[in-house]
Amino acid sequence: MTKKKPSLSIKQVFLLGSKLVITLSVILCVFSLFRTHSTSQIHKHPRSRTIFHVQQQFNGPSKIAFLFLTRKDLPLDFLWDTFFENADSRNFSIYVHSEPGFVFNEWTTKSPFFYNRQLRESVRVVWGESSMIDAERMLLKEALEDPANQRFVLLSDSCVPLYNFSYIYNYLMSSPRSFVDSFLDGKESRYNPKMSPDIPKSKWRKGSQWIALIRKHAEVIVDDDAILPVFEAYCKRRPSIVSGRKNIKLQKQHNCIPDEHYVQTLLSMSELDNELERRTLTYTLWNQSTTKTEKTAWHPVQFSYAKAGPQQMKEIKGINHVYYETEYRTEWCRTNSTFVSCFLFARKFSRGAAMRLLSEGLLRSSDSSVVVTTHL
């Protein structure tokens, strides 16, 4: 006869079920604690997809990637043509973000240096919106594909170089740091509390979007997928108020300009402040005025032919420090421990002003020297 297995009693079934429930509860608690810890770490340090972090080997000289952010064409291409003509082609590369579908060729630019230098993909950029950040990241991403690119300079379509290529190359390559205008502004109200805890207020920074990066920091920006979504959700430009209709709710909305905060805040969140020269290399003359969204606002002054003479350029080149009023901080300009002029570029220049720079030979000489020690 086959013996029947003894059936479990109700008490045994209950005990077995209790043990199973307790075991599952312990597992869930451990998982919950692990997830909470991981989330807190993400809040401390932005998550990264590690796309370009593997060091690529290359032979040959290091390059500066010139990244032009344009509306459509490049109105000062004739000036940049002269600038690049006097440079070794092995020392630079050019990338242009223009409106979708625009192609740089013999019909759209006077300089062969810009032929087919537009990005493979681009977006329609609207000032004061996150599309500006998207365009900057696209430029960096494509430039990072070339392992020889070791410095990355973001320029507008109204930027001009203040020195010749040799001086600018030595200036950038002699410093192991990025040049990012970054400061705390206790007076401004662009920080949205809804950004917390992903972006704590203590890490919120402001500064100029015109940056010059080392490769490591360019990778951090391209790899970011933690901080950008927060900016897209909570850092938005306040819409213009229709004349005669004062919308109280609209007036109270945070007026945030993403491109003046994103890079600075991301690098601060990544604990990289100590790897920066906290200043921009692009000079801008600001004028205070009133807009539809702000009682007082600052806007860049355009340099005309009359304002682009030798004396004006000498004054800009003579600036050797920048004072940050909100931090009571004076930033003395130096590279490789050598005191230097603060600015390598300037904006906003009209075509007439750029023509004067060329005709009077204001880009021919460097006016000074930089002690060069290459840092990669």
Foldseek 3Di string as FASTA:
>chain_A
DDDDDDDDDPVRVVVVVVVVVVVVVVVVVVVVVVVVVVVVVCLLAPDFPPPLVPQDDDDDAAAEEEEEEEAAAQLLLVLVLVQCVPDDPRHYAYAYAYDPPHADDVVRGVHPSRHRRYQPDHHNDDFLACSVLVRVLSRLVVVSVDSSHFKYWYDYSQKHFQAHPVQVSQQVQQFQFKAAAKDDAPPADQDDPVLPPSQDSVLWIFADLGIMGGNVLSSLSNGGDRNSVSCNVQAGAQDFDPPPDDDPVSLPHRGHRCSGTPSSSNCSSNVNPVRYLNHHQEDFDWDWDCDRRGRIDIDTDEQALVCQDPVNSVVQQPAQWDADVNVRDIRGDDGNPHGGGRHRMYDRYDNNSSVNCVVVVSHVHRVDHHDGDGDD
